[in-house]
PDB file of N, CA and C in Angstrom:
ATOM      1  N   MET A   1       0.876  -1.098   0.065  1.00  0.00           N
ATOM      2  CA  MET A   1      -0.001  -0.034   0.026  1.00  0.00           C
ATOM      3  C   MET A   1       0.924   1.256   0.098  1.00  0.00           C
ATOM      4  N   ASP A   2       0.532   2.271  -0.802  1.00  0.00           N
ATOM      5  CA  ASP A   2       1.254   3.413  -0.787  1.00  0.00           C
ATOM      6  C   ASP A   2       0.246   4.553  -0.731  1.00  0.00           C
ATOM      7  N   ALA A   3       0.747   5.904  -0.556  1.00  0.00           N
ATOM      8  CA  ALA A   3      -0.094   6.973  -0.531  1.00  0.00           C
ATOM      9  C   ALA A   3      -0.914   7.190  -1.619  1.00  0.00           C
ATOM     10  N   GLN A   4      -0.437   6.996  -2.809  1.00  0.00           N
ATOM     11  CA  GLN A   4      -1.279   7.310  -3.885  1.00  0.00           C
ATOM     12  C   GLN A   4      -2.453   6.283  -4.154  1.00  0.00           C
ATOM     13  N   GLN A   5      -2.214   5.011  -3.563  1.00  0.00           N
ATOM     14  CA  GLN A   5      -3.378   4.052  -3.526  1.00  0.00           C
ATOM     15  C   GLN A   5      -4.502   4.503  -2.486  1.00  0.00           C
ATOM     16  N   ILE A   6      -3.951   5.059  -1.502  1.00  0.00           N
ATOM     17  CA  ILE A   6      -5.031   5.571  -0.525  1.00  0.00           C
ATOM     18  C   ILE A   6      -5.758   6.635  -1.099  1.00  0.00           C
ATOM     19  N   LYS A   7      -5.131   7.420  -1.809  1.00  0.00           N
ATOM     20  CA  LYS A   7      -5.726   8.801  -2.456  1.00  0.00           C
ATOM     21  C   LYS A   7      -6.683   8.205  -3.342  1.00  0.00           C
ATOM     22  N   GLN A   8      -6.433   7.354  -4.230  1.00  0.00           N
ATOM     23  CA  GLN A   8      -7.282   6.650  -5.272  1.00  0.00           C
ATOM     24  C   GLN A   8      -8.540   6.119  -4.766  1.00  0.00           C
ATOM     25  N   ILE A   9      -8.362   5.273  -3.513  1.00  0.00           N
ATOM     26  CA  ILE A   9      -9.440   4.567  -2.980  1.00  0.00           C
ATOM     27  C   ILE A   9     -10.335   5.706  -2.312  1.00  0.00           C
ATOM     28  N   ILE A  10      -9.875   6.520  -1.574  1.00  0.00           N
ATOM     29  CA  ILE A  10     -10.822   7.660  -0.975  1.00  0.00           C
ATOM     30  C   ILE A  10     -11.522   8.534  -2.074  1.00  0.00           C
ATOM     31  N   GLU A  11     -10.809   9.013  -3.182  1.00  0.00           N
ATOM     32  CA  GLU A  11     -11.450   9.663  -4.271  1.00  0.00           C
ATOM     33  C   GLU A  11     -12.542   8.819  -5.004  1.00  0.00           C
ATOM     34  N   SER A  12     -12.289   7.613  -4.982  1.00  0.00           N
ATOM     35  CA  SER A  12     -13.265   6.515  -5.695  1.00  0.00           C
ATOM     36  C   SER A  12     -14.543   6.595  -4.840  1.00  0.00           C
ATOM     37  N   HIS A  13     -14.464   6.617  -3.488  1.00  0.00           N
ATOM     38  CA  HIS A  13     -15.593   6.472  -2.681  1.00  0.00           C
ATOM     39  C   HIS A  13     -16.309   7.822  -2.464  1.00  0.00           C
ATOM     40  N   LEU A  14     -15.453   9.137  -2.497  1.00  0.00           N
ATOM     41  CA  LEU A  14     -15.991  10.300  -2.464  1.00  0.00           C
ATOM     42  C   LEU A  14     -15.720  11.239  -3.632  1.00  0.00           C
ATOM     43  N   PRO A  15     -16.208  10.949  -4.772  1.00  0.00           N
ATOM     44  CA  PRO A  15     -16.032  11.704  -6.025  1.00  0.00           C
ATOM     45  C   PRO A  15     -16.140  13.186  -5.647  1.00  0.00           C
ATOM     46  N   GLY A  16     -15.053  14.073  -6.283  1.00  0.00           N
ATOM     47  CA  GLY A  16     -15.076  15.407  -6.133  1.00  0.00           C
ATOM     48  C   GLY A  16     -14.321  15.732  -4.982  1.00  0.00           C
ATOM     49  N   SER A  17     -13.792  14.760  -4.291  1.00  0.00           N
ATOM     50  CA  SER A  17     -12.939  15.147  -3.103  1.00  0.00           C
ATOM     51  C   SER A  17     -11.528  15.496  -3.439  1.00  0.00           C
ATOM     52  N   GLU A  18     -10.836  16.279  -2.652  1.00  0.00           N
ATOM     53  CA  GLU A  18      -9.465  16.508  -2.823  1.00  0.00           C
ATOM     54  C   GLU A  18      -8.595  15.756  -1.766  1.00  0.00           C
ATOM     55  N   VAL A  19      -7.869  14.687  -2.074  1.00  0.00           N
ATOM     56  CA  VAL A  19      -7.171  13.942  -0.920  1.00  0.00           C
ATOM     57  C   VAL A  19      -5.722  14.150  -1.016  1.00  0.00           C
ATOM     58  N   LEU A  20      -5.142  14.497   0.042  1.00  0.00           N
ATOM     59  CA  LEU A  20      -3.600  14.766   0.111  1.00  0.00           C
ATOM     60  C   LEU A  20      -3.076  13.834   1.096  1.00  0.00           C
ATOM     61  N   PRO A  21      -2.474  12.792   0.562  1.00  0.00           N
ATOM     62  CA  PRO A  21      -2.191  11.685   1.535  1.00  0.00           C
ATOM     63  C   PRO A  21      -0.526  11.901   1.774  1.00  0.00           C
ATOM     64  N   SER A  22      -0.147  11.297   2.813  1.00  0.00           N
ATOM     65  CA  SER A  22       1.356  11.146   3.169  1.00  0.00           C
ATOM     66  C   SER A  22       1.622   9.952   3.956  1.00  0.00           C
ATOM     67  N   GLY A  23       2.852   9.535   4.010  1.00  0.00           N
ATOM     68  CA  GLY A  23       3.243   8.245   4.804  1.00  0.00           C
ATOM     69  C   GLY A  23       3.728   7.190   3.915  1.00  0.00           C
ATOM     70  N   GLU A  24       4.171   6.132   4.425  1.00  0.00           N
ATOM     71  CA  GLU A  24       4.627   4.892   3.797  1.00  0.00           C
ATOM     72  C   GLU A  24       4.546   3.754   4.568  1.00  0.00           C
ATOM     73  N   GLY A  25       4.760   2.529   3.917  1.00  0.00           N
ATOM     74  CA  GLY A  25       4.604   1.223   4.589  1.00  0.00           C
ATOM     75  C   GLY A  25       3.153   1.045   5.026  1.00  0.00           C
ATOM     76  N   CYS A  26       2.805   0.988   6.140  1.00  0.00           N
ATOM     77  CA  CYS A  26       1.437   0.852   6.529  1.00  0.00           C
ATOM     78  C   CYS A  26       0.868   1.980   7.551  1.00  0.00           C
ATOM     79  N   ASN A  27       1.686   3.065   7.595  1.00  0.00           N
ATOM     80  CA  ASN A  27       1.253   4.278   8.399  1.00  0.00           C
ATOM     81  C   ASN A  27       1.095   5.385   7.437  1.00  0.00           C
ATOM     82  N   PHE A  28      -0.143   6.002   7.577  1.00  0.00           N
ATOM     83  CA  PHE A  28      -0.345   7.204   6.633  1.00  0.00           C
ATOM     84  C   PHE A  28      -1.038   8.259   7.364  1.00  0.00           C
ATOM     85  N   ASN A  29      -1.060   9.389   6.801  1.00  0.00           N
ATOM     86  CA  ASN A  29      -1.918  10.557   7.152  1.00  0.00           C
ATOM     87  C   ASN A  29      -2.560  11.074   5.955  1.00  0.00           C
ATOM     88  N   VAL A  30      -3.886  11.381   6.123  1.00  0.00           N
ATOM     89  CA  VAL A  30      -4.554  12.087   4.939  1.00  0.00           C
ATOM     90  C   VAL A  30      -5.296  13.234   5.391  1.00  0.00           C
ATOM     91  N   THR A  31      -5.341  14.274   4.429  1.00  0.00           N
ATOM     92  CA  THR A  31      -6.239  15.363   4.545  1.00  0.00           C
ATOM     93  C   THR A  31      -7.171  15.297   3.488  1.00  0.00           C
ATOM     94  N   VAL A  32      -8.411  15.375   3.679  1.00  0.00           N
ATOM     95  CA  VAL A  32      -9.568  15.223   2.769  1.00  0.00           C
ATOM     96  C   VAL A  32     -10.367  16.472   2.841  1.00  0.00           C
ATOM     97  N   VAL A  33     -10.581  17.123   1.622  1.00  0.00           N
ATOM     98  CA  VAL A  33     -11.285  18.469   1.536  1.00  0.00           C
ATOM     99  C   VAL A  33     -12.505  17.874   0.600  1.00  0.00           C
ATOM    100  N   SER A  34     -13.706  17.987   1.061  1.00  0.00           N
ATOM    101  CA  SER A  34     -14.878  17.635   0.349  1.00  0.00           C
ATOM    102  C   SER A  34     -16.108  18.515   0.790  1.00  0.00           C
ATOM    103  N   GLU A  35     -16.915  18.791  -0.088  1.00  0.00           N
ATOM    104  CA  GLU A  35     -18.055  19.431   0.156  1.00  0.00           C
ATOM    105  C   GLU A  35     -19.237  18.524   1.008  1.00  0.00           C
ATOM    106  N   VAL A  36     -18.962  17.134   0.985  1.00  0.00           N
ATOM    107  CA  VAL A  36     -19.811  16.102   1.572  1.00  0.00           C
ATOM    108  C   VAL A  36     -19.652  16.360   3.074  1.00  0.00           C
ATOM    109  N   PHE A  37     -18.596  16.869   3.581  1.00  0.00           N
ATOM    110  CA  PHE A  37     -18.393  17.158   5.011  1.00  0.00           C
ATOM    111  C   PHE A  37     -19.283  18.342   5.666  1.00  0.00           C
ATOM    112  N   SER A  38     -19.860  19.098   4.817  1.00  0.00           N
ATOM    113  CA  SER A  38     -20.779  20.189   5.169  1.00  0.00           C
ATOM    114  C   SER A  38     -21.876  19.906   6.312  1.00  0.00           C
ATOM    115  N   GLY A  39     -21.894  20.317   7.258  1.00  0.00           N
ATOM    116  CA  GLY A  39     -22.785  20.081   8.413  1.00  0.00           C
ATOM    117  C   GLY A  39     -22.633  18.785   9.108  1.00  0.00           C
ATOM    118  N   MET A  40     -21.560  18.104   8.901  1.00  0.00           N
ATOM    119  CA  MET A  40     -21.137  16.904   9.586  1.00  0.00           C
ATOM    120  C   MET A  40     -20.373  17.111  10.963  1.00  0.00           C
ATOM    121  N   LEU A  41     -20.637  16.364  11.952  1.00  0.00           N
ATOM    122  CA  LEU A  41     -19.746  16.492  13.107  1.00  0.00           C
ATOM    123  C   LEU A  41     -18.352  15.765  12.770  1.00  0.00           C
ATOM    124  N   PRO A  42     -17.464  16.343  13.512  1.00  0.00           N
ATOM    125  CA  PRO A  42     -16.210  15.706  13.388  1.00  0.00           C
ATOM    126  C   PRO A  42     -15.838  14.164  13.255  1.00  0.00           C
ATOM    127  N   VAL A  43     -16.592  13.544  14.264  1.00  0.00           N
ATOM    128  CA  VAL A  43     -16.647  12.188  14.366  1.00  0.00           C
ATOM    129  C   VAL A  43     -17.273  11.413  13.070  1.00  0.00           C
ATOM    130  N   LYS A  44     -18.277  12.106  12.559  1.00  0.00           N
ATOM    131  CA  LYS A  44     -19.022  11.489  11.375  1.00  0.00           C
ATOM    132  C   LYS A  44     -18.115  11.629  10.133  1.00  0.00           C
ATOM    133  N   LYS A  45     -17.241  12.735  10.122  1.00  0.00           N
ATOM    134  CA  LYS A  45     -16.407  12.878   9.029  1.00  0.00           C
ATOM    135  C   LYS A  45     -15.309  11.858   9.081  1.00  0.00           C
ATOM    136  N   GLN A  46     -14.787  11.523  10.203  1.00  0.00           N
ATOM    137  CA  GLN A  46     -13.781  10.468  10.308  1.00  0.00           C
ATOM    138  C   GLN A  46     -14.186   9.188   9.993  1.00  0.00           C
ATOM    139  N   GLN A  47     -15.595   8.869  10.422  1.00  0.00           N
ATOM    140  CA  GLN A  47     -16.135   7.679  10.271  1.00  0.00           C
ATOM    141  C   GLN A  47     -16.257   7.207   8.680  1.00  0.00           C
ATOM    142  N   LEU A  48     -16.574   8.401   7.926  1.00  0.00           N
ATOM    143  CA  LEU A  48     -16.767   8.398   6.602  1.00  0.00           C
ATOM    144  C   LEU A  48     -15.491   7.968   5.719  1.00  0.00           C
ATOM    145  N   ILE A  49     -14.330   8.487   6.205  1.00  0.00           N
ATOM    146  CA  ILE A  49     -13.108   8.073   5.657  1.00  0.00           C
ATOM    147  C   ILE A  49     -12.676   6.627   6.105  1.00  0.00           C
ATOM    148  N   TYR A  50     -12.898   6.348   7.450  1.00  0.00           N
ATOM    149  CA  TYR A  50     -12.593   4.901   7.769  1.00  0.00           C
ATOM    150  C   TYR A  50     -13.356   3.888   6.953  1.00  0.00           C
ATOM    151  N   ASP A  51     -14.675   4.286   6.731  1.00  0.00           N
ATOM    152  CA  ASP A  51     -15.650   3.376   5.991  1.00  0.00           C
ATOM    153  C   ASP A  51     -14.913   3.110   4.486  1.00  0.00           C
ATOM    154  N   CYS A  52     -14.166   4.078   4.005  1.00  0.00           N
ATOM    155  CA  CYS A  52     -13.590   3.869   2.695  1.00  0.00           C
ATOM    156  C   CYS A  52     -12.368   3.068   2.806  1.00  0.00           C
ATOM    157  N   LEU A  53     -11.819   2.879   3.962  1.00  0.00           N
ATOM    158  CA  LEU A  53     -10.499   2.076   4.121  1.00  0.00           C
ATOM    159  C   LEU A  53     -10.660   0.878   4.862  1.00  0.00           C
ATOM    160  N   THR A  54     -11.860   0.556   5.314  1.00  0.00           N
ATOM    161  CA  THR A  54     -12.053  -0.528   6.278  1.00  0.00           C
ATOM    162  C   THR A  54     -11.353  -1.946   5.809  1.00  0.00           C
ATOM    163  N   GLU A  55     -11.529  -2.187   4.649  1.00  0.00           N
ATOM    164  CA  GLU A  55     -10.950  -3.408   4.130  1.00  0.00           C
ATOM    165  C   GLU A  55      -9.501  -3.493   4.190  1.00  0.00           C
ATOM    166  N   TYR A  56      -8.771  -2.353   4.034  1.00  0.00           N
ATOM    167  CA  TYR A  56      -7.461  -2.274   4.059  1.00  0.00           C
ATOM    168  C   TYR A  56      -6.807  -2.120   5.557  1.00  0.00           C
ATOM    169  N   ILE A  57      -7.714  -1.585   6.373  1.00  0.00           N
ATOM    170  CA  ILE A  57      -7.346  -1.780   7.899  1.00  0.00           C
ATOM    171  C   ILE A  57      -7.535  -3.071   8.229  1.00  0.00           C
ATOM    172  N   ALA A  58      -8.511  -3.853   7.928  1.00  0.00           N
ATOM    173  CA  ALA A  58      -8.708  -5.199   8.403  1.00  0.00           C
ATOM    174  C   ALA A  58      -7.722  -6.183   8.008  1.00  0.00           C
ATOM    175  N   ASP A  59      -7.204  -6.054   6.752  1.00  0.00           N
ATOM    176  CA  ASP A  59      -6.127  -6.957   6.187  1.00  0.00           C
ATOM    177  C   ASP A  59      -4.726  -6.470   6.662  1.00  0.00           C
ATOM    178  N   GLY A  60      -4.494  -5.348   7.231  1.00  0.00           N
ATOM    179  CA  GLY A  60      -3.284  -5.020   7.707  1.00  0.00           C
ATOM    180  C   GLY A  60      -2.311  -4.238   6.733  1.00  0.00           C
ATOM    181  N   SER A  61      -2.932  -3.851   5.674  1.00  0.00           N
ATOM    182  CA  SER A  61      -2.314  -2.940   4.696  1.00  0.00           C
ATOM    183  C   SER A  61      -2.241  -1.545   5.274  1.00  0.00           C
ATOM    184  N   ILE A  62      -3.233  -1.163   6.002  1.00  0.00           N
ATOM    185  CA  ILE A  62      -3.007   0.149   6.803  1.00  0.00           C
ATOM    186  C   ILE A  62      -3.003  -0.343   8.282  1.00  0.00           C
ATOM    187  N   HIS A  63      -1.908   0.120   8.860  1.00  0.00           N
ATOM    188  CA  HIS A  63      -1.884  -0.138  10.272  1.00  0.00           C
ATOM    189  C   HIS A  63      -2.189   1.118  11.111  1.00  0.00           C
ATOM    190  N   ALA A  64      -2.080   2.162  10.712  1.00  0.00           N
ATOM    191  CA  ALA A  64      -2.310   3.400  11.337  1.00  0.00           C
ATOM    192  C   ALA A  64      -2.684   4.566  10.439  1.00  0.00           C
ATOM    193  N   ILE A  65      -3.662   5.274  10.757  1.00  0.00           N
ATOM    194  CA  ILE A  65      -3.967   6.447   9.652  1.00  0.00           C
ATOM    195  C   ILE A  65      -4.524   7.705  10.525  1.00  0.00           C
ATOM    196  N   GLY A  66      -3.943   8.804  10.122  1.00  0.00           N
ATOM    197  CA  GLY A  66      -4.374  10.052  10.791  1.00  0.00           C
ATOM    198  C   GLY A  66      -5.090  10.743   9.864  1.00  0.00           C
ATOM    199  N   ILE A  67      -6.269  11.239  10.211  1.00  0.00           N
ATOM    200  CA  ILE A  67      -7.195  11.854   9.237  1.00  0.00           C
ATOM    201  C   ILE A  67      -7.461  13.379   9.675  1.00  0.00           C
ATOM    202  N   LYS A  68      -7.582  14.314   8.711  1.00  0.00           N
ATOM    203  CA  LYS A  68      -7.884  15.675   8.959  1.00  0.00           C
ATOM    204  C   LYS A  68      -8.928  15.871   7.759  1.00  0.00           C
ATOM    205  N   THR A  69     -10.091  16.371   8.079  1.00  0.00           N
ATOM    206  CA  THR A  69     -11.155  16.712   7.186  1.00  0.00           C
ATOM    207  C   THR A  69     -11.540  18.211   7.216  1.00  0.00           C
ATOM    208  N   TYR A  70     -11.767  18.652   5.914  1.00  0.00           N
ATOM    209  CA  TYR A  70     -12.254  19.943   5.848  1.00  0.00           C
ATOM    210  C   TYR A  70     -13.290  20.195   4.651  1.00  0.00           C
ATOM    211  N   THR A  71     -14.207  21.163   4.846  1.00  0.00           N
ATOM    212  CA  THR A  71     -15.083  21.571   3.746  1.00  0.00           C
ATOM    213  C   THR A  71     -14.087  22.583   2.837  1.00  0.00           C
ATOM    214  N   PRO A  72     -14.529  22.617   1.636  1.00  0.00           N
ATOM    215  CA  PRO A  72     -13.726  23.490   0.828  1.00  0.00           C
ATOM    216  C   PRO A  72     -13.582  25.089   1.462  1.00  0.00           C
ATOM    217  N   GLN A  73     -14.674  25.552   2.166  1.00  0.00           N
ATOM    218  CA  GLN A  73     -14.482  26.769   2.871  1.00  0.00           C
ATOM    219  C   GLN A  73     -13.594  26.730   3.996  1.00  0.00           C
ATOM    220  N   GLN A  74     -13.613  25.668   4.791  1.00  0.00           N
ATOM    221  CA  GLN A  74     -12.627  25.655   5.808  1.00  0.00           C
ATOM    222  C   GLN A  74     -11.204  25.459   5.352  1.00  0.00           C
ATOM    223  N   TRP A  75     -10.955  24.758   4.220  1.00  0.00           N
ATOM    224  CA  TRP A  75      -9.611  24.580   3.660  1.00  0.00           C
ATOM    225  C   TRP A  75      -9.147  25.917   3.332  1.00  0.00           C
ATOM    226  N   GLU A  76     -10.093  26.780   2.529  1.00  0.00           N
ATOM    227  CA  GLU A  76      -9.553  28.008   2.058  1.00  0.00           C
ATOM    228  C   GLU A  76      -9.045  28.872   3.138  1.00  0.00           C
ATOM    229  N   GLN A  77      -9.806  28.761   4.466  1.00  0.00           N
ATOM    230  CA  GLN A  77      -9.385  29.675   5.556  1.00  0.00           C
ATOM    231  C   GLN A  77      -8.003  29.095   6.179  1.00  0.00           C
ATOM    232  N   LYS A  78      -7.859  27.753   6.121  1.00  0.00           N
ATOM    233  CA  LYS A  78      -6.609  27.191   6.614  1.00  0.00           C
ATOM    234  C   LYS A  78      -5.344  27.429   5.815  1.00  0.00           C
ATOM    235  N   VAL A  79      -5.433  27.530   4.534  1.00  0.00           N
ATOM    236  CA  VAL A  79      -4.370  27.750   3.744  1.00  0.00           C
ATOM    237  C   VAL A  79      -4.186  29.203   3.371  1.00  0.00           C
TER     238      VAL A  79
END
């Protein structure tokens, strides 16, 4: 598993999202920017990303993942 694969997996589950992955081996961090997060509680945003990756966490391809989520508006304010 590599960062680009994680990017592709999340983007396939959340079309229109911008995924910024980092990491290697089985430890990764992702920042996901998507309109789908509008109005969601932080825990629900994280659960949505975990749902995309459950299969890979279960088989050990991903051991640890840090997740940051933003709406496009929140992302604009951050950068």
